[in-house]
Amino acid sequence: MSDLTAVNVGLILLIASIVAMATRRMHLPYSVGLVAAGILLTLLPVKIGFSLSPDLIFSTLLPPLIFEGALHIRWSAFRRELPVTLTLAFFGVMLAACVIAIGTHELIGWSWLAAAMFGFLIAATDPVSVLSTFRETRVEPRLSLLVETESLLNDGVAAVGFAVTVAIAGGTSVVPIAVGGLLLWKVLGGVIIGGGIAGSLLMLSGRTDDHLVEITLTTIAAYGAFLLGERLETSGVLAALTAGIIVANMGGRGYISQVGRSHIMSIWEYAAFLANSVVFILIGLQEGSRARGLVSLAAGVAIVLVLLSRAISVYALCALFHRRRLAVEQRYQHVLVWGGLRGALSLALALTVPDSVPERDAMIISAFAVVTFSIFVQGLTMAPLIRRLGVQAR
């Protein structure tokens, strides 16, 4: 690590620590404070030698956030709510993407290809933002599980839809059967890879009670599952999620020592804190540098369409479970709509839009505008909404 890089990392950690203390005293969301700090940094002569890039997000920052989130998921509750979360994650993303695509084509005049590409990259809720916000705003267990697991599962459809539109932009002809096969591989491939890696490493960890070795093996599980999943063009998010759930629910059956479990939870909580700090500060830096472009007709339309599409998908799909055992309360649905935050994942996809797409710059600016609105407006009003609806954890 160069001296410059070490100084930048130290500066980010110092800022994150100060923001964490300040936001806790002011009862503000930590993520909002970090983004605000990043924006303020753009006004100062201090320069951070990092930038928000897809490689940084996917290779370094996302695996610990997904894995740590999965460590808190209990399999029995997850399995019980799976029909609802799968419906929201898969069909919800497709429905929201269609609404956004039609709206951006008709209201802004983007081509159908660009509109569809933007629809998929912005339709999925972001696990980074969702996990960060709902850890700070404690809600009833079922609602927390629904919101968090949906954000972890909906990566698959968004990634496939975005990949298909990028392929079309590159001149590739797309066959519907191939698209279905790609979606199936994204989902099942991620689950198989995550399960295989986590299961193998748990067998190995069962042969030791050294908590340092156990922590090391869980690190391999998190990054190994995510990166192998991405390398094999399946869902790295689902691979890391599966690995985390298996470690959390199988580790206590003799595969991880009791001392090791407490150390593992602590070290991954700290890893998530570091990753969140870097992600949101870099988002603030990017938003500060693009501040003027965030105010535009396209950006305003995009924000409205994202909110509208989220409302349509949540209320329509939750109606399918009306009068059933898994019925979702109306109060929960309101939180699901307003809690559908966008963040680093959408920005990472937006930055990979091919240069050949004429609307590329407008799409990136609109994505940043949606994320800015999501973090500041939705993030700051989430706690008052939860109190108003009476869904706080008791």
Protein backbone atom coordinates (compact mmCIF):
# COMPACT_ATOMS: atom_id res chain seq x y z
CA MET A 1 0.00 0.00 0.00
CA SER A 2 1.47 3.39 -0.99
CA ASP A 3 1.83 6.21 1.54
CA LEU A 4 -0.89 8.16 -0.30
CA THR A 5 -3.31 5.24 -0.14
CA ALA A 6 -2.60 4.68 3.56
CA VAL A 7 -3.26 8.36 4.30
CA ASN A 8 -6.56 8.22 2.36
CA VAL A 9 -7.69 5.09 4.20
CA GLY A 10 -6.78 6.68 7.54
CA LEU A 11 -8.68 9.86 6.64
CA ILE A 12 -11.79 7.88 5.68
CA LEU A 13 -11.66 5.91 8.94
CA LEU A 14 -11.23 9.09 10.98
CA ILE A 15 -14.17 10.75 9.22
CA ALA A 16 -16.28 7.61 9.67
CA SER A 17 -15.54 7.52 13.41
CA ILE A 18 -16.41 11.19 13.89
CA VAL A 19 -19.60 10.84 11.83
CA ALA A 20 -20.62 7.73 13.78
CA MET A 21 -20.31 9.58 17.09
CA ALA A 22 -22.04 12.72 15.80
CA THR A 23 -24.99 10.95 14.13
CA ARG A 24 -25.61 8.83 17.21
CA ARG A 25 -25.81 11.93 19.40
CA MET A 26 -28.10 13.70 16.90
CA HIS A 27 -30.20 10.55 16.30
CA LEU A 28 -29.57 10.68 12.55
CA PRO A 29 -28.95 7.79 10.14
CA TYR A 30 -25.25 6.97 9.95
CA SER A 31 -25.39 6.56 6.15
CA VAL A 32 -26.81 10.06 5.71
CA GLY A 33 -24.02 11.52 7.81
CA LEU A 34 -21.37 9.73 5.77
CA VAL A 35 -22.77 10.91 2.44
CA ALA A 36 -23.02 14.46 3.77
CA ALA A 37 -19.39 14.23 4.93
CA GLY A 38 -18.37 13.04 1.47
CA ILE A 39 -20.14 15.97 -0.16
CA LEU A 40 -18.46 18.41 2.24
CA LEU A 41 -15.06 16.95 1.36
CA THR A 42 -15.53 18.06 -2.25
CA LEU A 43 -15.66 21.66 -1.01
CA LEU A 44 -12.33 21.34 0.80
CA PRO A 45 -8.80 21.22 -0.62
CA VAL A 46 -8.45 17.69 0.81
CA LYS A 47 -8.57 15.05 -1.93
CA ILE A 48 -9.42 11.38 -1.43
CA GLY A 49 -7.48 9.20 -3.85
CA PHE A 50 -10.36 6.75 -4.32
CA SER A 51 -13.38 6.87 -6.57
CA LEU A 52 -16.58 4.87 -6.64
CA SER A 53 -16.01 2.20 -9.28
CA PRO A 54 -17.76 -1.09 -10.11
CA ASP A 55 -14.57 -3.05 -9.37
CA LEU A 56 -14.19 -1.50 -5.91
CA ILE A 57 -17.84 -2.18 -5.06
CA PHE A 58 -18.05 -5.74 -6.38
CA SER A 59 -14.56 -6.98 -5.53
CA THR A 60 -13.97 -5.39 -2.13
CA LEU A 61 -16.92 -3.71 -0.43
CA LEU A 62 -20.03 -5.74 -1.24
CA PRO A 63 -18.94 -9.25 -0.04
CA PRO A 64 -18.53 -8.33 3.65
CA LEU A 65 -21.80 -6.37 3.67
CA ILE A 66 -23.79 -9.25 2.17
CA PHE A 67 -22.11 -11.91 4.30
CA GLU A 68 -22.50 -9.99 7.55
CA GLY A 69 -26.16 -9.35 6.80
CA ALA A 70 -26.70 -13.06 6.15
CA LEU A 71 -25.11 -14.01 9.49
CA HIS A 72 -28.16 -12.48 11.23
CA ILE A 73 -30.72 -14.47 9.22
CA ARG A 74 -32.27 -17.49 10.90
CA TRP A 75 -33.14 -20.23 8.43
CA SER A 76 -36.53 -21.09 9.92
CA ALA A 77 -37.82 -17.51 9.60
CA PHE A 78 -36.19 -17.06 6.19
CA ARG A 79 -37.79 -20.24 4.84
CA ARG A 80 -41.22 -19.28 6.21
CA GLU A 81 -41.16 -15.90 4.45
CA LEU A 82 -39.52 -17.15 1.24
CA PRO A 83 -42.70 -17.10 -0.94
CA VAL A 84 -43.23 -13.40 -0.16
CA THR A 85 -39.61 -12.33 -0.49
CA LEU A 86 -39.09 -14.27 -3.73
CA THR A 87 -42.24 -12.75 -5.22
CA LEU A 88 -41.14 -9.22 -4.30
CA ALA A 89 -37.54 -9.80 -5.33
CA PHE A 90 -38.14 -11.38 -8.73
CA PHE A 91 -41.52 -10.28 -10.03
CA GLY A 92 -41.25 -6.98 -8.17
CA VAL A 93 -38.03 -6.06 -9.98
CA MET A 94 -39.47 -7.00 -13.38
CA LEU A 95 -42.67 -5.04 -12.77
CA ALA A 96 -40.79 -1.99 -11.48
CA ALA A 97 -38.32 -2.11 -14.38
CA CYS A 98 -41.20 -2.16 -16.88
CA VAL A 99 -42.88 0.86 -15.26
CA ILE A 100 -39.61 2.81 -15.23
CA ALA A 101 -38.76 1.85 -18.81
CA ILE A 102 -42.17 2.91 -20.15
CA GLY A 103 -42.06 6.15 -18.17
CA THR A 104 -38.54 7.19 -19.24
CA HIS A 105 -39.32 6.38 -22.86
CA GLU A 106 -42.62 8.25 -22.95
CA LEU A 107 -41.79 11.20 -20.67
CA ILE A 108 -38.10 11.82 -21.34
CA GLY A 109 -37.81 10.45 -24.85
CA TRP A 110 -35.08 7.89 -24.22
CA SER A 111 -34.82 5.00 -26.67
CA TRP A 112 -36.49 1.77 -25.60
CA LEU A 113 -33.08 0.15 -25.14
CA ALA A 114 -31.74 2.90 -22.86
CA ALA A 115 -35.06 3.05 -20.97
CA ALA A 116 -35.01 -0.71 -20.36
CA MET A 117 -31.37 -0.60 -19.30
CA PHE A 118 -32.06 2.17 -16.80
CA GLY A 119 -35.17 0.38 -15.57
CA PHE A 120 -33.23 -2.72 -14.61
CA LEU A 121 -30.23 -0.96 -13.08
CA ILE A 122 -32.39 1.22 -10.82
CA ALA A 123 -35.31 -1.16 -10.10
CA ALA A 124 -33.59 -3.37 -7.52
CA THR A 125 -33.34 -2.11 -3.96
CA ASP A 126 -29.76 -1.84 -2.76
CA PRO A 127 -28.65 -4.20 0.02
CA VAL A 128 -25.95 -1.76 1.20
CA SER A 129 -28.40 1.10 1.83
CA VAL A 130 -31.22 -1.11 3.10
CA LEU A 131 -29.10 -3.06 5.58
CA SER A 132 -27.48 0.12 6.87
CA THR A 133 -30.76 1.97 7.38
CA PHE A 134 -32.76 -0.87 8.94
CA ARG A 135 -29.98 -1.80 11.37
CA GLU A 136 -30.20 1.72 12.79
CA THR A 137 -34.01 1.91 12.67
CA ARG A 138 -35.20 -1.07 14.66
CA VAL A 139 -38.49 -2.50 13.43
CA GLU A 140 -40.59 -5.58 14.16
CA PRO A 141 -38.70 -8.81 13.30
CA ARG A 142 -40.90 -9.93 10.42
CA LEU A 143 -40.81 -6.54 8.72
CA SER A 144 -37.04 -6.34 9.14
CA LEU A 145 -36.64 -9.80 7.62
CA LEU A 146 -38.89 -8.98 4.65
CA VAL A 147 -37.11 -5.72 3.83
CA GLU A 148 -33.57 -7.01 4.27
CA THR A 149 -33.94 -10.38 2.54
CA GLU A 150 -35.76 -8.85 -0.42
CA SER A 151 -32.87 -6.43 -0.94
CA LEU A 152 -30.42 -9.35 -0.83
CA LEU A 153 -32.41 -11.52 -3.25
CA ASN A 154 -33.47 -9.08 -5.95
CA ASP A 155 -29.99 -8.76 -7.45
CA GLY A 156 -30.54 -11.72 -9.79
CA VAL A 157 -33.34 -10.37 -11.99
CA ALA A 158 -31.83 -6.88 -12.16
CA ALA A 159 -28.41 -8.25 -13.15
CA VAL A 160 -29.85 -10.50 -15.86
CA GLY A 161 -32.11 -7.80 -17.29
CA PHE A 162 -29.25 -5.30 -17.33
CA ALA A 163 -26.88 -7.85 -18.91
CA VAL A 164 -29.41 -8.61 -21.64
CA THR A 165 -29.87 -4.93 -22.52
CA VAL A 166 -26.10 -4.40 -22.57
CA ALA A 167 -25.74 -7.40 -24.89
CA ILE A 168 -28.37 -5.96 -27.22
CA ALA A 169 -26.56 -2.61 -27.18
CA GLY A 170 -23.43 -4.48 -28.28
CA GLY A 171 -25.23 -5.98 -31.27
CA THR A 172 -25.92 -9.43 -29.84
CA SER A 173 -29.20 -11.10 -30.72
CA VAL A 174 -31.04 -12.36 -27.65
CA VAL A 175 -33.16 -15.54 -27.58
CA PRO A 176 -35.90 -15.69 -24.91
CA ILE A 177 -34.94 -19.26 -23.94
CA ALA A 178 -31.35 -18.15 -23.40
CA VAL A 179 -32.53 -15.29 -21.18
CA GLY A 180 -34.52 -17.75 -19.05
CA GLY A 181 -31.50 -20.02 -18.80
CA LEU A 182 -29.31 -17.09 -17.79
CA LEU A 183 -31.73 -16.09 -15.02
CA LEU A 184 -31.89 -19.68 -13.79
CA TRP A 185 -28.09 -19.88 -13.70
CA LYS A 186 -27.83 -16.55 -11.89
CA VAL A 187 -30.07 -17.84 -9.11
CA LEU A 188 -29.27 -21.54 -8.84
CA GLY A 189 -25.60 -21.07 -9.67
CA GLY A 190 -25.20 -18.55 -6.87
CA VAL A 191 -26.92 -20.84 -4.36
CA ILE A 192 -24.87 -23.88 -5.42
CA ILE A 193 -21.55 -22.03 -5.32
CA GLY A 194 -22.26 -20.39 -1.97
CA GLY A 195 -23.52 -23.62 -0.46
CA GLY A 196 -20.61 -25.67 -1.78
CA ILE A 197 -17.93 -23.28 -0.54
CA ALA A 198 -19.53 -22.70 2.88
CA GLY A 199 -20.21 -26.40 3.42
CA SER A 200 -16.65 -27.38 2.53
CA LEU A 201 -15.11 -24.75 4.78
CA LEU A 202 -17.39 -25.68 7.69
CA MET A 203 -16.22 -29.28 7.42
CA LEU A 204 -12.67 -27.99 7.68
CA SER A 205 -13.39 -25.63 10.57
CA GLY A 206 -14.97 -28.49 12.50
CA ARG A 207 -11.48 -29.92 12.90
CA THR A 208 -10.20 -26.97 14.95
CA ASP A 209 -11.25 -24.79 17.85
CA ASP A 210 -8.80 -22.01 16.98
CA HIS A 211 -11.00 -18.93 16.57
CA LEU A 212 -8.41 -17.21 14.34
CA VAL A 213 -8.54 -20.10 11.89
CA GLU A 214 -12.34 -20.06 12.02
CA ILE A 215 -12.44 -16.33 11.25
CA THR A 216 -10.05 -16.90 8.35
CA LEU A 217 -12.23 -19.66 6.92
CA THR A 218 -15.35 -17.46 7.08
CA THR A 219 -13.41 -14.73 5.25
CA ILE A 220 -12.60 -17.22 2.51
CA ALA A 221 -16.28 -18.24 2.44
CA ALA A 222 -17.50 -14.65 2.04
CA TYR A 223 -15.05 -13.45 -0.58
CA GLY A 224 -14.60 -16.84 -2.23
CA ALA A 225 -18.32 -17.36 -2.78
CA PHE A 226 -18.90 -13.82 -4.03
CA LEU A 227 -15.90 -13.60 -6.36
CA LEU A 228 -16.27 -17.12 -7.75
CA GLY A 229 -19.95 -16.45 -8.37
CA GLU A 230 -19.11 -13.27 -10.28
CA ARG A 231 -16.31 -15.01 -12.20
CA LEU A 232 -18.70 -17.77 -13.32
CA GLU A 233 -21.27 -15.09 -14.30
CA THR A 234 -23.78 -16.10 -11.69
CA SER A 235 -24.97 -13.96 -8.76
CA GLY A 236 -22.16 -13.16 -6.35
CA VAL A 237 -24.71 -11.59 -4.00
CA LEU A 238 -26.74 -14.82 -3.80
CA ALA A 239 -23.54 -16.86 -3.41
CA ALA A 240 -22.34 -14.76 -0.46
CA LEU A 241 -25.88 -14.70 0.99
CA THR A 242 -26.11 -18.50 0.83
CA ALA A 243 -22.66 -18.90 2.36
CA GLY A 244 -23.56 -16.54 5.21
CA ILE A 245 -26.87 -18.26 5.98
CA ILE A 246 -25.18 -21.68 6.06
CA VAL A 247 -22.39 -20.46 8.34
CA ALA A 248 -24.91 -18.77 10.65
CA ASN A 249 -27.26 -21.72 10.91
CA MET A 250 -24.89 -24.70 10.65
CA GLY A 251 -21.90 -23.26 12.50
CA GLY A 252 -23.49 -23.83 15.88
CA ARG A 253 -23.79 -27.57 15.26
CA GLY A 254 -20.22 -28.32 16.18
CA TYR A 255 -18.56 -26.83 13.08
CA ILE A 256 -17.57 -23.58 14.80
CA SER A 257 -16.57 -23.31 18.45
CA GLN A 258 -18.63 -21.25 20.87
CA VAL A 259 -15.73 -18.84 21.37
CA GLY A 260 -15.24 -18.67 17.60
CA ARG A 261 -18.87 -17.68 16.98
CA SER A 262 -18.65 -14.60 19.16
CA HIS A 263 -15.38 -13.54 17.54
CA ILE A 264 -16.79 -14.14 14.05
CA MET A 265 -19.85 -11.97 14.69
CA SER A 266 -17.67 -9.17 16.09
CA ILE A 267 -15.12 -9.20 13.27
CA TRP A 268 -17.80 -9.21 10.56
CA GLU A 269 -19.73 -6.42 12.26
CA TYR A 270 -16.53 -4.36 12.14
CA ALA A 271 -15.90 -5.34 8.49
CA ALA A 272 -19.41 -4.19 7.58
CA PHE A 273 -18.80 -0.91 9.41
CA LEU A 274 -15.63 -0.31 7.39
CA ALA A 275 -17.27 -1.22 4.08
CA ASN A 276 -20.30 0.97 4.79
CA SER A 277 -18.04 3.87 5.72
CA VAL A 278 -16.11 3.69 2.46
CA VAL A 279 -19.21 3.17 0.30
CA PHE A 280 -21.22 6.11 1.63
CA ILE A 281 -18.30 8.54 1.82
CA LEU A 282 -17.43 7.74 -1.81
CA ILE A 283 -21.09 8.17 -2.80
CA GLY A 284 -20.98 11.61 -1.18
CA LEU A 285 -17.78 12.48 -3.04
CA GLN A 286 -19.34 11.47 -6.36
CA GLU A 287 -22.58 13.31 -5.65
CA GLY A 288 -20.70 16.44 -4.61
CA SER A 289 -18.78 16.45 -7.88
CA ARG A 290 -22.01 15.99 -9.87
CA ALA A 291 -24.18 18.36 -7.82
CA ARG A 292 -25.12 20.67 -10.68
CA GLY A 293 -26.17 17.86 -12.97
CA LEU A 294 -28.47 16.30 -10.39
CA VAL A 295 -31.09 19.02 -10.96
CA SER A 296 -32.65 18.23 -14.32
CA LEU A 297 -35.94 17.14 -15.86
CA ALA A 298 -34.66 13.61 -16.45
CA ALA A 299 -33.49 13.31 -12.84
CA GLY A 300 -36.83 14.54 -11.47
CA VAL A 301 -38.81 12.18 -13.69
CA ALA A 302 -36.55 9.29 -12.70
CA ILE A 303 -37.14 9.91 -8.98
CA VAL A 304 -40.93 9.99 -9.44
CA LEU A 305 -40.90 6.87 -11.61
CA VAL A 306 -38.77 4.91 -9.15
CA LEU A 307 -41.16 5.75 -6.28
CA LEU A 308 -44.22 5.00 -8.41
CA SER A 309 -42.83 1.70 -9.69
CA ARG A 310 -41.94 0.62 -6.18
CA ALA A 311 -45.44 1.40 -4.93
CA ILE A 312 -47.09 -0.46 -7.82
CA SER A 313 -44.92 -3.56 -7.40
CA VAL A 314 -45.24 -3.80 -3.61
CA TYR A 315 -48.97 -3.14 -3.31
CA ALA A 316 -49.89 -5.29 -6.32
CA LEU A 317 -47.75 -8.28 -5.35
CA CYS A 318 -48.61 -8.18 -1.66
CA ALA A 319 -52.28 -8.31 -2.69
CA LEU A 320 -51.58 -11.83 -3.98
CA PHE A 321 -51.09 -12.97 -0.37
CA HIS A 322 -54.23 -11.28 0.94
CA ARG A 323 -56.30 -13.57 3.19
CA ARG A 324 -53.44 -16.09 3.34
CA ARG A 325 -51.19 -17.13 6.20
CA LEU A 326 -48.37 -14.99 4.75
CA ALA A 327 -50.50 -11.87 4.32
CA VAL A 328 -48.42 -8.70 4.64
CA GLU A 329 -49.91 -6.00 6.84
CA GLN A 330 -50.76 -2.70 5.19
CA ARG A 331 -48.36 -0.94 7.58
CA TYR A 332 -45.56 -3.24 6.47
CA GLN A 333 -46.35 -2.53 2.83
CA HIS A 334 -45.96 1.22 3.39
CA VAL A 335 -42.52 0.64 4.93
CA LEU A 336 -41.55 -1.71 2.08
CA VAL A 337 -42.43 1.03 -0.42
CA TRP A 338 -40.63 3.88 1.31
CA GLY A 339 -37.79 1.61 2.47
CA GLY A 340 -36.93 0.50 -1.06
CA LEU A 341 -33.66 2.44 -1.00
CA ARG A 342 -31.21 2.68 -3.88
CA GLY A 343 -27.47 3.03 -3.46
CA ALA A 344 -24.06 1.77 -4.47
CA LEU A 345 -25.29 -1.23 -6.47
CA SER A 346 -27.35 0.93 -8.84
CA LEU A 347 -24.46 3.38 -9.24
CA ALA A 348 -22.04 0.55 -10.00
CA LEU A 349 -24.31 -0.72 -12.79
CA ALA A 350 -24.89 2.80 -14.13
CA LEU A 351 -21.15 3.37 -14.44
CA THR A 352 -20.87 0.25 -16.62
CA VAL A 353 -23.38 1.45 -19.24
CA PRO A 354 -21.57 1.20 -22.60
CA ASP A 355 -20.30 4.44 -24.17
CA SER A 356 -22.22 3.50 -27.32
CA VAL A 357 -25.53 4.29 -25.57
CA PRO A 358 -26.33 7.97 -26.39
CA GLU A 359 -28.24 8.48 -23.13
CA ARG A 360 -25.37 7.17 -20.97
CA ASP A 361 -24.53 10.50 -19.27
CA ALA A 362 -28.19 11.26 -18.58
CA MET A 363 -28.66 7.76 -17.15
CA ILE A 364 -25.68 8.13 -14.79
CA ILE A 365 -26.86 11.56 -13.60
CA SER A 366 -30.40 10.24 -13.09
CA ALA A 367 -29.09 7.27 -11.12
CA PHE A 368 -27.10 9.60 -8.86
CA ALA A 369 -30.18 11.80 -8.40
CA VAL A 370 -32.31 8.79 -7.39
CA VAL A 371 -29.65 7.62 -4.92
CA THR A 372 -29.30 11.13 -3.47
CA PHE A 373 -33.07 11.37 -2.95
CA SER A 374 -33.14 7.84 -1.55
CA ILE A 375 -30.44 8.45 1.04
CA PHE A 376 -31.38 11.95 2.17
CA VAL A 377 -35.16 12.11 1.82
CA GLN A 378 -36.20 8.50 2.34
CA GLY A 379 -33.36 7.79 4.77
CA LEU A 380 -34.08 10.79 6.98
CA THR A 381 -37.84 10.21 7.06
CA MET A 382 -37.71 6.44 7.64
CA ALA A 383 -37.58 6.63 11.45
CA PRO A 384 -40.53 9.09 11.74
CA LEU A 385 -42.55 6.90 9.35
CA ILE A 386 -41.83 3.79 11.41
CA ARG A 387 -42.86 5.58 14.61
CA ARG A 388 -46.01 6.91 12.93
CA LEU A 389 -46.99 3.44 11.73
CA GLY A 390 -46.16 1.83 15.09
CA VAL A 391 -43.92 -0.93 13.74
CA GLN A 392 -40.92 -0.38 16.04
CA ALA A 393 -39.33 -3.43 17.62
CA ARG A 394 -40.36 -3.91 21.23
